[in-house]
Amino acid sequence: MEFFKQNTQIDFMAQRRWAAILSIILFALSLISLAVNGLNWGLDFTGGTQIHMTFPQEVDLNQVRTTLEKGGFKEATVISYGTSKDVLVSLAPVKESSVAESSAQDNAITTRLATLLPDAKIQQIDIIGPQVGQELATKGALAIVIALLGTMIYIALRFDFRFSIGSTVALIHDPVLILGIFSFWHLEFNLIVLAAVLTVIGYSLNDTIVIFDRIRENFRKLRKSTPLEVVNQATNQTLSRTIMTSVLTLMVVLALYFLGGSMLHGFALALIIGIVVGTYSSIYVAGSLSLMLGVNRQSLLPPAKETLDNRP
């Protein structure tokens, strides 16, 4: 099944300068937002208390939130947790404490919640210290750096260092835009969203590799074409595959966003942004940057084997 004919001739590279300007502007705005606003770190990174509560009947989240605010839990986050009767309450970060203090704190929180919400049954209380949250943030950043370095080495070995630079810039471009949007709108950034960001890196890389592979193949077939024509041809040839993959994945992620509950909103939103931005960056960041760096037929074709003309 194909959405576009084999002989489609859309001149994608004609807009590469405008696309570069757009990418630079969005990238700069994302960095500014991250510098000014920072990220709204979730409980996984800042530390705090999570309480899983069960009610005998369907619960009104707004009413629970209002009750907790009046009871002194000003920054409490209340979300549905699995069913309409289960609620996950996240409280503000707590100070680093000993085991005895943590146990006493558990008891104090349990007593206050039992008074404010007498119908609720507390299933589980988890306390995350700030030290643990900082460690998670460090390991999360390290995971992204390792993924980018591994990707850069892989593409350099399989294709060419110009493709490696182009794809790496694209893979940096995509997560930064996601983080910029989360920072600008003050959306919570937790471990689930971090998993989505890492997923976006893999998704964008897959699309980029497909285009790069077709570019290398076309350099061998279209010997009289210029590098610009070869890149355009490869993008057009993979266009149907790109659209089908992106649209079908986007449909699933949209279903997660609207029907998956509030727990999956951040994860689904990061994937939605990543799919759109990743599809764009595979063409207008990775492809056009490789072209600007001077990728050509000689850099991709295997070296010719030496032959002996005069044999004894």
C-alpha atoms as a PDB file:
ATOM      1  CA  MET A   1       0.000   0.000   0.000  1.00  0.00           C
ATOM      2  CA  GLU A   2       1.357   3.418  -0.974  1.00  0.00           C
ATOM      3  CA  PHE A   3      -0.025   6.922  -0.521  1.00  0.00           C
ATOM      4  CA  PHE A   4       2.268   8.378  -3.155  1.00  0.00           C
ATOM      5  CA  LYS A   5       3.252   7.156  -6.594  1.00  0.00           C
ATOM      6  CA  GLN A   6       6.744   5.845  -7.258  1.00  0.00           C
ATOM      7  CA  ASN A   7       7.547   8.770  -9.552  1.00  0.00           C
ATOM      8  CA  THR A   8       6.626  11.460  -7.008  1.00  0.00           C
ATOM      9  CA  GLN A   9       8.980  14.422  -7.385  1.00  0.00           C
ATOM     10  CA  ILE A  10       8.477  16.749  -4.405  1.00  0.00           C
ATOM     11  CA  ASP A  11      11.426  19.105  -4.033  1.00  0.00           C
ATOM     12  CA  PHE A  12      11.904  18.795  -0.264  1.00  0.00           C
ATOM     13  CA  MET A  13      15.408  20.216  -0.284  1.00  0.00           C
ATOM     14  CA  ALA A  14      14.232  23.457  -1.895  1.00  0.00           C
ATOM     15  CA  GLN A  15      12.843  24.446   1.514  1.00  0.00           C
ATOM     16  CA  ARG A  16      15.856  23.333   3.540  1.00  0.00           C
ATOM     17  CA  ARG A  17      17.055  26.882   4.314  1.00  0.00           C
ATOM     18  CA  TRP A  18      13.646  27.941   5.649  1.00  0.00           C
ATOM     19  CA  ALA A  19      13.442  24.680   7.586  1.00  0.00           C
ATOM     20  CA  ALA A  20      16.889  25.357   9.073  1.00  0.00           C
ATOM     21  CA  ILE A  21      15.785  28.823  10.197  1.00  0.00           C
ATOM     22  CA  LEU A  22      12.616  27.367  11.749  1.00  0.00           C
ATOM     23  CA  SER A  23      14.585  24.659  13.551  1.00  0.00           C
ATOM     24  CA  ILE A  24      17.131  27.153  14.904  1.00  0.00           C
ATOM     25  CA  ILE A  25      14.357  29.447  16.183  1.00  0.00           C
ATOM     26  CA  LEU A  26      12.430  26.602  17.873  1.00  0.00           C
ATOM     27  CA  PHE A  27      15.630  25.158  19.323  1.00  0.00           C
ATOM     28  CA  ALA A  28      16.684  28.550  20.711  1.00  0.00           C
ATOM     29  CA  LEU A  29      13.233  29.206  22.199  1.00  0.00           C
ATOM     30  CA  SER A  30      13.297  25.769  23.841  1.00  0.00           C
ATOM     31  CA  LEU A  31      16.696  26.448  25.394  1.00  0.00           C
ATOM     32  CA  ILE A  32      15.532  29.867  26.619  1.00  0.00           C
ATOM     33  CA  SER A  33      12.420  28.331  28.184  1.00  0.00           C
ATOM     34  CA  LEU A  34      14.512  25.638  29.863  1.00  0.00           C
ATOM     35  CA  ALA A  35      16.943  28.267  31.178  1.00  0.00           C
ATOM     36  CA  VAL A  36      14.204  30.597  32.463  1.00  0.00           C
ATOM     37  CA  ASN A  37      11.466  28.209  33.589  1.00  0.00           C
ATOM     38  CA  GLY A  38      13.351  24.971  34.039  1.00  0.00           C
ATOM     39  CA  LEU A  39      11.434  21.701  34.106  1.00  0.00           C
ATOM     40  CA  ASN A  40       8.504  20.950  36.346  1.00  0.00           C
ATOM     41  CA  TRP A  41      10.160  17.897  37.874  1.00  0.00           C
ATOM     42  CA  GLY A  42       7.838  15.152  38.986  1.00  0.00           C
ATOM     43  CA  LEU A  43       7.911  13.315  42.263  1.00  0.00           C
ATOM     44  CA  ASP A  44      10.325  10.742  40.792  1.00  0.00           C
ATOM     45  CA  PHE A  45      13.042  13.414  40.630  1.00  0.00           C
ATOM     46  CA  THR A  46      12.240  15.844  43.451  1.00  0.00           C
ATOM     47  CA  GLY A  47      11.292  13.354  46.126  1.00  0.00           C
ATOM     48  CA  GLY A  48       8.030  13.388  48.056  1.00  0.00           C
ATOM     49  CA  THR A  49       5.217  11.100  49.141  1.00  0.00           C
ATOM     50  CA  GLN A  50       2.832   8.993  47.076  1.00  0.00           C
ATOM     51  CA  ILE A  51      -0.304   7.503  48.592  1.00  0.00           C
ATOM     52  CA  HIS A  52      -2.481   4.924  46.838  1.00  0.00           C
ATOM     53  CA  MET A  53      -6.042   5.191  48.147  1.00  0.00           C
ATOM     54  CA  THR A  54      -9.199   3.208  47.377  1.00  0.00           C
ATOM     55  CA  PHE A  55     -12.750   4.493  47.808  1.00  0.00           C
ATOM     56  CA  PRO A  56     -15.923   2.376  48.140  1.00  0.00           C
ATOM     57  CA  GLN A  57     -17.555   4.208  45.251  1.00  0.00           C
ATOM     58  CA  GLU A  58     -16.554   6.245  42.193  1.00  0.00           C
ATOM     59  CA  VAL A  59     -14.555   9.208  43.407  1.00  0.00           C
ATOM     60  CA  ASP A  60     -14.676  12.859  42.377  1.00  0.00           C
ATOM     61  CA  LEU A  61     -11.039  13.898  41.913  1.00  0.00           C
ATOM     62  CA  ASN A  62     -11.806  17.615  42.167  1.00  0.00           C
ATOM     63  CA  GLN A  63     -13.572  17.098  45.475  1.00  0.00           C
ATOM     64  CA  VAL A  64     -10.640  15.077  46.858  1.00  0.00           C
ATOM     65  CA  ARG A  65      -8.207  17.747  45.687  1.00  0.00           C
ATOM     66  CA  THR A  66     -10.252  20.515  47.336  1.00  0.00           C
ATOM     67  CA  THR A  67     -10.504  18.562  50.593  1.00  0.00           C
ATOM     68  CA  LEU A  68      -6.755  18.023  50.727  1.00  0.00           C
ATOM     69  CA  GLU A  69      -6.026  21.701  50.017  1.00  0.00           C
ATOM     70  CA  LYS A  70      -8.312  22.771  52.852  1.00  0.00           C
ATOM     71  CA  GLY A  71      -6.604  20.220  55.090  1.00  0.00           C
ATOM     72  CA  GLY A  72      -3.158  21.731  54.545  1.00  0.00           C
ATOM     73  CA  PHE A  73      -1.868  19.742  51.566  1.00  0.00           C
ATOM     74  CA  LYS A  74      -1.581  22.776  49.305  1.00  0.00           C
ATOM     75  CA  GLU A  75       0.526  21.210  46.537  1.00  0.00           C
ATOM     76  CA  ALA A  76      -1.169  17.807  46.459  1.00  0.00           C
ATOM     77  CA  THR A  77      -1.600  16.188  43.047  1.00  0.00           C
ATOM     78  CA  VAL A  78      -4.599  13.876  42.708  1.00  0.00           C
ATOM     79  CA  ILE A  79      -4.997  11.562  39.739  1.00  0.00           C
ATOM     80  CA  SER A  80      -7.004   8.468  38.888  1.00  0.00           C
ATOM     81  CA  TYR A  81      -5.046   5.269  39.393  1.00  0.00           C
ATOM     82  CA  GLY A  82      -6.279   2.324  37.353  1.00  0.00           C
ATOM     83  CA  THR A  83      -9.995   2.416  38.200  1.00  0.00           C
ATOM     84  CA  SER A  84     -12.549   5.091  39.016  1.00  0.00           C
ATOM     85  CA  LYS A  85     -12.357   4.084  42.692  1.00  0.00           C
ATOM     86  CA  ASP A  86      -8.559   4.243  42.992  1.00  0.00           C
ATOM     87  CA  VAL A  87      -6.662   7.492  43.504  1.00  0.00           C
ATOM     88  CA  LEU A  88      -2.952   8.309  43.600  1.00  0.00           C
ATOM     89  CA  VAL A  89      -2.098  11.314  45.761  1.00  0.00           C
ATOM     90  CA  SER A  90       1.337  12.939  45.379  1.00  0.00           C
ATOM     91  CA  LEU A  91       2.476  15.285  48.116  1.00  0.00           C
ATOM     92  CA  ALA A  92       5.218  17.905  48.239  1.00  0.00           C
ATOM     93  CA  PRO A  93       8.861  16.833  48.704  1.00  0.00           C
ATOM     94  CA  VAL A  94       9.906  15.920  52.197  1.00  0.00           C
ATOM     95  CA  LYS A  95      13.200  16.609  53.906  1.00  0.00           C
ATOM     96  CA  GLU A  96      15.831  13.912  54.099  1.00  0.00           C
ATOM     97  CA  SER A  97      15.218  11.926  57.276  1.00  0.00           C
ATOM     98  CA  SER A  98      16.179   8.800  59.165  1.00  0.00           C
ATOM     99  CA  VAL A  99      14.229   5.561  59.103  1.00  0.00           C
ATOM    100  CA  ALA A 100      12.555   6.388  62.425  1.00  0.00           C
ATOM    101  CA  GLU A 101      11.540   9.853  61.211  1.00  0.00           C
ATOM    102  CA  SER A 102      10.198   8.418  57.955  1.00  0.00           C
ATOM    103  CA  SER A 103       8.086   5.926  59.888  1.00  0.00           C
ATOM    104  CA  ALA A 104       6.715   8.672  62.110  1.00  0.00           C
ATOM    105  CA  GLN A 105       5.987  10.770  59.041  1.00  0.00           C
ATOM    106  CA  ASP A 106       4.077   7.860  57.479  1.00  0.00           C
ATOM    107  CA  ASN A 107       1.933   7.608  60.588  1.00  0.00           C
ATOM    108  CA  ALA A 108       1.296  11.364  60.671  1.00  0.00           C
ATOM    109  CA  ILE A 109       0.251  11.457  57.008  1.00  0.00           C
ATOM    110  CA  THR A 110      -1.965   8.379  57.440  1.00  0.00           C
ATOM    111  CA  THR A 111      -3.709   9.941  60.433  1.00  0.00           C
ATOM    112  CA  ARG A 112      -4.338  13.254  58.646  1.00  0.00           C
ATOM    113  CA  LEU A 113      -5.639  11.569  55.494  1.00  0.00           C
ATOM    114  CA  ALA A 114      -7.908   9.289  57.527  1.00  0.00           C
ATOM    115  CA  THR A 115      -9.396  12.393  59.155  1.00  0.00           C
ATOM    116  CA  LEU A 116      -9.835  14.319  55.892  1.00  0.00           C
ATOM    117  CA  LEU A 117     -11.049  11.347  53.812  1.00  0.00           C
ATOM    118  CA  PRO A 118     -12.737   8.906  56.199  1.00  0.00           C
ATOM    119  CA  ASP A 119     -14.192   6.784  53.375  1.00  0.00           C
ATOM    120  CA  ALA A 120     -10.814   6.117  51.790  1.00  0.00           C
ATOM    121  CA  LYS A 121      -8.691   3.066  52.473  1.00  0.00           C
ATOM    122  CA  ILE A 122      -4.941   3.626  52.203  1.00  0.00           C
ATOM    123  CA  GLN A 123      -3.370   0.815  50.204  1.00  0.00           C
ATOM    124  CA  GLN A 124       0.257   1.950  50.050  1.00  0.00           C
ATOM    125  CA  ILE A 125       2.521   4.870  51.005  1.00  0.00           C
ATOM    126  CA  ASP A 126       5.829   5.463  49.232  1.00  0.00           C
ATOM    127  CA  ILE A 127       8.296   8.120  50.361  1.00  0.00           C
ATOM    128  CA  ILE A 128      11.005   9.157  47.888  1.00  0.00           C
ATOM    129  CA  GLY A 129      13.902  11.183  49.275  1.00  0.00           C
ATOM    130  CA  PRO A 130      15.424  14.119  47.346  1.00  0.00           C
ATOM    131  CA  GLN A 131      18.717  12.219  47.115  1.00  0.00           C
ATOM    132  CA  VAL A 132      17.032   9.396  45.235  1.00  0.00           C
ATOM    133  CA  GLY A 133      15.322  11.893  42.930  1.00  0.00           C
ATOM    134  CA  GLN A 134      18.614  13.599  42.108  1.00  0.00           C
ATOM    135  CA  GLU A 135      20.191  10.235  41.330  1.00  0.00           C
ATOM    136  CA  LEU A 136      17.322   9.375  38.981  1.00  0.00           C
ATOM    137  CA  ALA A 137      17.714  12.704  37.158  1.00  0.00           C
ATOM    138  CA  THR A 138      21.458  12.133  36.740  1.00  0.00           C
ATOM    139  CA  LYS A 139      20.987   8.600  35.445  1.00  0.00           C
ATOM    140  CA  GLY A 140      18.244   9.761  33.085  1.00  0.00           C
ATOM    141  CA  ALA A 141      20.502  12.408  31.549  1.00  0.00           C
ATOM    142  CA  LEU A 142      23.313   9.851  31.321  1.00  0.00           C
ATOM    143  CA  ALA A 143      21.022   7.433  29.496  1.00  0.00           C
ATOM    144  CA  ILE A 144      20.225  10.057  26.857  1.00  0.00           C
ATOM    145  CA  VAL A 145      23.926  10.942  26.371  1.00  0.00           C
ATOM    146  CA  ILE A 146      24.913   7.280  26.009  1.00  0.00           C
ATOM    147  CA  ALA A 147      22.089   6.704  23.513  1.00  0.00           C
ATOM    148  CA  LEU A 148      23.263   9.645  21.396  1.00  0.00           C
ATOM    149  CA  LEU A 149      26.927   8.584  21.465  1.00  0.00           C
ATOM    150  CA  GLY A 150      26.060   5.003  20.560  1.00  0.00           C
ATOM    151  CA  THR A 151      23.893   6.208  17.692  1.00  0.00           C
ATOM    152  CA  MET A 152      26.637   8.497  16.381  1.00  0.00           C
ATOM    153  CA  ILE A 153      29.218   5.691  16.373  1.00  0.00           C
ATOM    154  CA  TYR A 154      26.830   3.225  14.728  1.00  0.00           C
ATOM    155  CA  ILE A 155      25.897   5.543  11.858  1.00  0.00           C
ATOM    156  CA  ALA A 156      29.508   6.615  11.326  1.00  0.00           C
ATOM    157  CA  LEU A 157      30.533   2.967  10.935  1.00  0.00           C
ATOM    158  CA  ARG A 158      27.593   1.936   8.789  1.00  0.00           C
ATOM    159  CA  PHE A 159      27.338   4.993   6.550  1.00  0.00           C
ATOM    160  CA  ASP A 160      29.585   8.050   6.777  1.00  0.00           C
ATOM    161  CA  PHE A 161      30.663  10.564   9.402  1.00  0.00           C
ATOM    162  CA  ARG A 162      28.577  13.269   7.648  1.00  0.00           C
ATOM    163  CA  PHE A 163      25.451  11.180   8.160  1.00  0.00           C
ATOM    164  CA  SER A 164      26.564  10.585  11.742  1.00  0.00           C
ATOM    165  CA  ILE A 165      26.749  14.315  12.456  1.00  0.00           C
ATOM    166  CA  GLY A 166      23.431  15.009  10.721  1.00  0.00           C
ATOM    167  CA  SER A 167      21.563  12.270  12.586  1.00  0.00           C
ATOM    168  CA  THR A 168      23.088  13.222  15.941  1.00  0.00           C
ATOM    169  CA  VAL A 169      22.055  16.853  15.541  1.00  0.00           C
ATOM    170  CA  ALA A 170      18.545  15.649  14.634  1.00  0.00           C
ATOM    171  CA  LEU A 171      18.441  13.406  17.707  1.00  0.00           C
ATOM    172  CA  ILE A 172      19.486  16.316  19.924  1.00  0.00           C
ATOM    173  CA  HIS A 173      17.015  18.595  18.167  1.00  0.00           C
ATOM    174  CA  ASP A 174      13.982  16.383  18.886  1.00  0.00           C
ATOM    175  CA  PRO A 175      14.322  15.894  22.687  1.00  0.00           C
ATOM    176  CA  VAL A 176      15.205  19.557  23.239  1.00  0.00           C
ATOM    177  CA  LEU A 177      11.987  20.655  21.505  1.00  0.00           C
ATOM    178  CA  ILE A 178       9.992  18.211  23.643  1.00  0.00           C
ATOM    179  CA  LEU A 179      11.644  19.490  26.821  1.00  0.00           C
ATOM    180  CA  GLY A 180      11.077  23.071  25.681  1.00  0.00           C
ATOM    181  CA  ILE A 181       7.343  22.492  25.280  1.00  0.00           C
ATOM    182  CA  PHE A 182       7.109  20.783  28.671  1.00  0.00           C
ATOM    183  CA  SER A 183       9.071  23.660  30.208  1.00  0.00           C
ATOM    184  CA  PHE A 184       7.020  26.422  28.557  1.00  0.00           C
ATOM    185  CA  TRP A 185       3.670  24.935  29.614  1.00  0.00           C
ATOM    186  CA  HIS A 186       4.966  23.816  33.045  1.00  0.00           C
ATOM    187  CA  LEU A 187       3.995  20.200  32.388  1.00  0.00           C
ATOM    188  CA  GLU A 188       5.220  17.594  34.844  1.00  0.00           C
ATOM    189  CA  PHE A 189       8.372  15.785  33.780  1.00  0.00           C
ATOM    190  CA  ASN A 190       8.716  12.363  35.397  1.00  0.00           C
ATOM    191  CA  LEU A 191      10.255   8.987  34.643  1.00  0.00           C
ATOM    192  CA  ILE A 192       7.377   8.049  32.324  1.00  0.00           C
ATOM    193  CA  VAL A 193       7.994  11.149  30.197  1.00  0.00           C
ATOM    194  CA  LEU A 194      11.727  10.402  30.216  1.00  0.00           C
ATOM    195  CA  ALA A 195      10.921   6.944  28.826  1.00  0.00           C
ATOM    196  CA  ALA A 196       8.899   8.636  26.075  1.00  0.00           C
ATOM    197  CA  VAL A 197      11.844  10.914  25.217  1.00  0.00           C
ATOM    198  CA  LEU A 198      14.144   7.898  24.860  1.00  0.00           C
ATOM    199  CA  THR A 199      11.482   6.202  22.725  1.00  0.00           C
ATOM    200  CA  VAL A 200      11.343   9.264  20.467  1.00  0.00           C
ATOM    201  CA  ILE A 201      15.115   9.062  19.958  1.00  0.00           C
ATOM    202  CA  GLY A 202      14.767   5.486  18.726  1.00  0.00           C
ATOM    203  CA  TYR A 203      11.727   6.279  16.594  1.00  0.00           C
ATOM    204  CA  SER A 204      13.376   9.251  14.895  1.00  0.00           C
ATOM    205  CA  LEU A 205      16.561   7.270  14.329  1.00  0.00           C
ATOM    206  CA  ASN A 206      14.627   4.477  12.608  1.00  0.00           C
ATOM    207  CA  ASP A 207      13.099   6.897  10.118  1.00  0.00           C
ATOM    208  CA  THR A 208      16.480   8.559   9.534  1.00  0.00           C
ATOM    209  CA  ILE A 209      18.224   5.234   8.875  1.00  0.00           C
ATOM    210  CA  VAL A 210      15.633   4.284   6.257  1.00  0.00           C
ATOM    211  CA  ILE A 211      16.227   7.537   4.361  1.00  0.00           C
ATOM    212  CA  PHE A 212      20.022   7.259   4.667  1.00  0.00           C
ATOM    213  CA  ASP A 213      19.950   3.690   3.376  1.00  0.00           C
ATOM    214  CA  ARG A 214      17.942   4.767   0.330  1.00  0.00           C
ATOM    215  CA  ILE A 215      20.335   7.692  -0.277  1.00  0.00           C
ATOM    216  CA  ARG A 216      23.294   5.299  -0.325  1.00  0.00           C
ATOM    217  CA  GLU A 217      21.441   2.967  -2.680  1.00  0.00           C
ATOM    218  CA  ASN A 218      20.530   5.827  -5.025  1.00  0.00           C
ATOM    219  CA  PHE A 219      24.131   7.053  -5.180  1.00  0.00           C
ATOM    220  CA  ARG A 220      24.994   3.685  -6.705  1.00  0.00           C
ATOM    221  CA  LYS A 221      22.090   3.700  -9.165  1.00  0.00           C
ATOM    222  CA  LEU A 222      21.780   7.375 -10.188  1.00  0.00           C
ATOM    223  CA  ARG A 223      25.382   8.006 -11.206  1.00  0.00           C
ATOM    224  CA  LYS A 224      24.614  11.141 -13.202  1.00  0.00           C
ATOM    225  CA  SER A 225      22.474  12.799 -10.521  1.00  0.00           C
ATOM    226  CA  THR A 226      23.737  15.467  -8.151  1.00  0.00           C
ATOM    227  CA  PRO A 227      23.747  14.851  -4.369  1.00  0.00           C
ATOM    228  CA  LEU A 228      20.785  17.234  -4.056  1.00  0.00           C
ATOM    229  CA  GLU A 229      18.764  15.202  -6.561  1.00  0.00           C
ATOM    230  CA  VAL A 230      19.739  11.938  -4.893  1.00  0.00           C
ATOM    231  CA  VAL A 231      18.599  13.114  -1.444  1.00  0.00           C
ATOM    232  CA  ASN A 232      15.326  14.409  -2.889  1.00  0.00           C
ATOM    233  CA  GLN A 233      14.749  11.136  -4.719  1.00  0.00           C
ATOM    234  CA  ALA A 234      15.417   9.072  -1.594  1.00  0.00           C
ATOM    235  CA  THR A 235      13.023  11.213   0.462  1.00  0.00           C
ATOM    236  CA  ASN A 236      10.268  10.815  -2.141  1.00  0.00           C
ATOM    237  CA  GLN A 237      10.808   7.066  -2.410  1.00  0.00           C
ATOM    238  CA  THR A 238      10.433   6.585   1.347  1.00  0.00           C
ATOM    239  CA  LEU A 239       7.595   9.102   1.703  1.00  0.00           C
ATOM    240  CA  SER A 240       4.773   6.537   1.702  1.00  0.00           C
ATOM    241  CA  ARG A 241       6.530   4.431   4.302  1.00  0.00           C
ATOM    242  CA  THR A 242       7.200   7.505   6.462  1.00  0.00           C
ATOM    243  CA  ILE A 243       3.584   8.713   6.299  1.00  0.00           C
ATOM    244  CA  MET A 244       2.092   5.284   7.008  1.00  0.00           C
ATOM    245  CA  THR A 245       4.394   4.625   9.963  1.00  0.00           C
ATOM    246  CA  SER A 246       3.912   8.075  11.467  1.00  0.00           C
ATOM    247  CA  VAL A 247       0.141   8.235  10.999  1.00  0.00           C
ATOM    248  CA  LEU A 248      -0.527   4.748  12.357  1.00  0.00           C
ATOM    249  CA  THR A 249       1.728   5.324  15.363  1.00  0.00           C
ATOM    250  CA  LEU A 250       0.150   8.716  15.942  1.00  0.00           C
ATOM    251  CA  MET A 251      -3.334   7.174  15.961  1.00  0.00           C
ATOM    252  CA  VAL A 252      -2.325   4.760  18.714  1.00  0.00           C
ATOM    253  CA  VAL A 253      -0.636   7.481  20.761  1.00  0.00           C
ATOM    254  CA  LEU A 254      -3.665   9.790  20.403  1.00  0.00           C
ATOM    255  CA  ALA A 255      -5.849   6.969  21.714  1.00  0.00           C
ATOM    256  CA  LEU A 256      -3.494   6.666  24.698  1.00  0.00           C
ATOM    257  CA  TYR A 257      -3.675  10.414  25.296  1.00  0.00           C
ATOM    258  CA  PHE A 258      -7.473  10.693  25.236  1.00  0.00           C
ATOM    259  CA  LEU A 259      -8.450   7.280  26.634  1.00  0.00           C
ATOM    260  CA  GLY A 260      -5.444   6.159  28.668  1.00  0.00           C
ATOM    261  CA  GLY A 261      -6.116   8.266  31.735  1.00  0.00           C
ATOM    262  CA  SER A 262      -4.157  11.074  33.334  1.00  0.00           C
ATOM    263  CA  MET A 263      -1.246   8.788  34.262  1.00  0.00           C
ATOM    264  CA  LEU A 264      -0.362   8.437  30.574  1.00  0.00           C
ATOM    265  CA  HIS A 265      -0.991  12.040  29.483  1.00  0.00           C
ATOM    266  CA  GLY A 266       2.639  13.146  29.788  1.00  0.00           C
ATOM    267  CA  PHE A 267       3.951   9.986  28.128  1.00  0.00           C
ATOM    268  CA  ALA A 268       1.489  10.218  25.230  1.00  0.00           C
ATOM    269  CA  LEU A 269       2.018  13.961  24.758  1.00  0.00           C
ATOM    270  CA  ALA A 270       5.802  13.538  24.564  1.00  0.00           C
ATOM    271  CA  LEU A 271       5.329  10.810  21.944  1.00  0.00           C
ATOM    272  CA  ILE A 272       2.891  12.922  19.914  1.00  0.00           C
ATOM    273  CA  ILE A 273       5.373  15.803  19.803  1.00  0.00           C
ATOM    274  CA  GLY A 274       8.228  13.402  19.107  1.00  0.00           C
ATOM    275  CA  ILE A 275       6.516  11.665  16.191  1.00  0.00           C
ATOM    276  CA  VAL A 276       5.718  14.957  14.456  1.00  0.00           C
ATOM    277  CA  VAL A 277       9.095  16.548  15.165  1.00  0.00           C
ATOM    278  CA  GLY A 278      10.997  13.332  14.447  1.00  0.00           C
ATOM    279  CA  THR A 279       9.405  12.908  11.026  1.00  0.00           C
ATOM    280  CA  TYR A 280      10.263  16.509  10.202  1.00  0.00           C
ATOM    281  CA  SER A 281      13.847  16.283  11.505  1.00  0.00           C
ATOM    282  CA  SER A 282      14.626  13.094   9.567  1.00  0.00           C
ATOM    283  CA  ILE A 283      14.167  15.069   6.357  1.00  0.00           C
ATOM    284  CA  TYR A 284      14.992  18.671   7.159  1.00  0.00           C
ATOM    285  CA  VAL A 285      17.640  18.255   9.865  1.00  0.00           C
ATOM    286  CA  ALA A 286      19.440  14.948   9.316  1.00  0.00           C
ATOM    287  CA  GLY A 287      19.088  14.864   5.521  1.00  0.00           C
ATOM    288  CA  SER A 288      19.683  18.509   4.712  1.00  0.00           C
ATOM    289  CA  LEU A 289      22.562  18.850   7.218  1.00  0.00           C
ATOM    290  CA  SER A 290      24.315  15.833   5.697  1.00  0.00           C
ATOM    291  CA  LEU A 291      23.903  17.441   2.300  1.00  0.00           C
ATOM    292  CA  MET A 292      25.332  20.718   3.596  1.00  0.00           C
ATOM    293  CA  LEU A 293      28.350  18.860   5.019  1.00  0.00           C
ATOM    294  CA  GLY A 294      29.158  17.613   1.539  1.00  0.00           C
ATOM    295  CA  VAL A 295      27.983  14.000   1.406  1.00  0.00           C
ATOM    296  CA  ASN A 296      28.665  12.597  -2.070  1.00  0.00           C
ATOM    297  CA  ARG A 297      28.961   9.407  -4.083  1.00  0.00           C
ATOM    298  CA  GLN A 298      32.647   8.886  -3.323  1.00  0.00           C
ATOM    299  CA  SER A 299      32.069   8.924   0.442  1.00  0.00           C
ATOM    300  CA  LEU A 300      29.420   6.185   0.289  1.00  0.00           C
ATOM    301  CA  LEU A 301      30.583   3.843  -2.469  1.00  0.00           C
ATOM    302  CA  PRO A 302      32.931   1.029  -1.402  1.00  0.00           C
ATOM    303  CA  PRO A 303      36.554   1.485  -2.519  1.00  0.00           C
ATOM    304  CA  ALA A 304      37.430  -0.139  -5.813  1.00  0.00           C
ATOM    305  CA  LYS A 305      39.536  -3.277  -5.579  1.00  0.00           C
ATOM    306  CA  GLU A 306      43.039  -3.020  -6.963  1.00  0.00           C
ATOM    307  CA  THR A 307      43.738  -5.213  -9.999  1.00  0.00           C
ATOM    308  CA  LEU A 308      47.037  -6.366 -11.466  1.00  0.00           C
ATOM    309  CA  ASP A 309      47.177  -5.623 -15.165  1.00  0.00           C
ATOM    310  CA  ASN A 310      50.520  -7.335 -15.769  1.00  0.00           C
ATOM    311  CA  ARG A 311      50.666 -10.795 -14.336  1.00  0.00           C
ATOM    312  CA  PRO A 312      53.748 -12.993 -14.787  1.00  0.00           C
END
